[in-house]
Amino acid sequence: MRTIQLKISDKVYDKIMWLLNKFSKDEVEIVCDNDFLTNKEYLQKELDEISEGKAAVISQSEFEDRLDQII
């Protein structure tokens, strides 16, 4: 399956969405761009914190100990 990105005028948005929804999920899948941008911003912020040494990191065993305490 191929992915394309479109910028659509508000004037025709409803018509385009109506048309795309006429296809089955196997033929056309609508991928919400807002989710992508939100995730991209979040991950970039996390990466910046790691790169700047501001992120708190723990070992696998510390993680498992904390998880055991929570459960």
Protein backbone atom coordinates (compact mmCIF):
# COMPACT_ATOMS: atom_id res chain seq x y z
CA MET A 1 0.00 0.00 0.00
CA ARG A 2 1.28 3.50 -0.76
CA THR A 3 1.01 6.58 1.42
CA ILE A 4 0.38 10.10 0.14
CA GLN A 5 0.02 13.37 1.99
CA LEU A 6 -2.43 16.02 0.82
CA LYS A 7 -3.16 19.58 1.83
CA ILE A 8 -6.88 20.07 1.33
CA SER A 9 -8.84 23.29 1.42
CA ASP A 10 -11.55 23.51 4.07
CA LYS A 11 -13.98 24.11 1.20
CA VAL A 12 -13.53 20.59 -0.22
CA TYR A 13 -12.46 18.65 2.90
CA ASP A 14 -15.90 17.14 3.56
CA LYS A 15 -16.25 16.04 -0.08
CA ILE A 16 -12.82 14.40 -0.13
CA MET A 17 -13.49 12.61 3.16
CA TRP A 18 -16.87 11.43 1.85
CA LEU A 19 -15.18 10.01 -1.25
CA LEU A 20 -12.38 8.31 0.68
CA ASN A 21 -14.84 6.73 3.09
CA LYS A 22 -16.54 5.01 0.13
CA PHE A 23 -13.53 2.70 -0.19
CA SER A 24 -13.01 -0.34 2.03
CA LYS A 25 -10.34 -0.35 4.74
CA ASP A 26 -8.31 -2.73 2.55
CA GLU A 27 -8.30 -0.20 -0.28
CA VAL A 28 -7.87 3.13 1.54
CA GLU A 29 -6.85 3.82 5.11
CA ILE A 30 -7.16 7.38 6.38
CA VAL A 31 -4.11 8.20 8.46
CA CYS A 32 -4.67 11.15 10.76
CA ASP A 33 -1.85 13.66 10.26
CA ASN A 34 -2.48 15.30 13.66
CA ASP A 35 -1.46 12.11 15.42
CA PHE A 36 1.75 11.99 13.44
CA LEU A 37 2.65 15.59 14.22
CA THR A 38 1.79 15.20 17.91
CA ASN A 39 3.92 12.06 18.15
CA LYS A 40 6.76 13.69 16.23
CA GLU A 41 6.82 16.69 18.59
CA TYR A 42 6.69 14.47 21.68
CA LEU A 43 9.49 12.20 20.46
CA GLN A 44 11.65 15.16 19.43
CA LYS A 45 11.25 16.65 22.92
CA GLU A 46 12.20 13.31 24.51
CA LEU A 47 15.22 12.98 22.20
CA ASP A 48 16.33 16.52 23.04
CA GLU A 49 16.16 15.75 26.76
CA ILE A 50 18.26 12.62 26.27
CA SER A 51 20.80 14.46 24.09
CA GLU A 52 21.11 17.29 26.64
CA GLY A 53 21.56 14.84 29.51
CA LYS A 54 18.37 15.99 31.22
CA ALA A 55 16.56 12.64 30.99
CA ALA A 56 16.49 10.32 33.98
CA VAL A 57 17.49 6.81 32.96
CA ILE A 58 17.39 3.59 34.97
CA SER A 59 18.73 0.11 34.41
CA GLN A 60 16.60 -2.85 33.41
CA SER A 61 16.86 -4.33 36.92
CA GLU A 62 15.81 -1.01 38.53
CA PHE A 63 12.84 -0.90 36.19
CA GLU A 64 11.82 -4.44 37.09
CA ASP A 65 12.16 -3.66 40.83
CA ARG A 66 9.93 -0.59 40.48
CA LEU A 67 7.42 -2.56 38.44
CA ASP A 68 7.33 -5.31 41.09
CA GLN A 69 6.62 -2.68 43.76
CA ILE A 70 3.77 -1.22 41.73
CA ILE A 71 2.20 -4.59 41.02
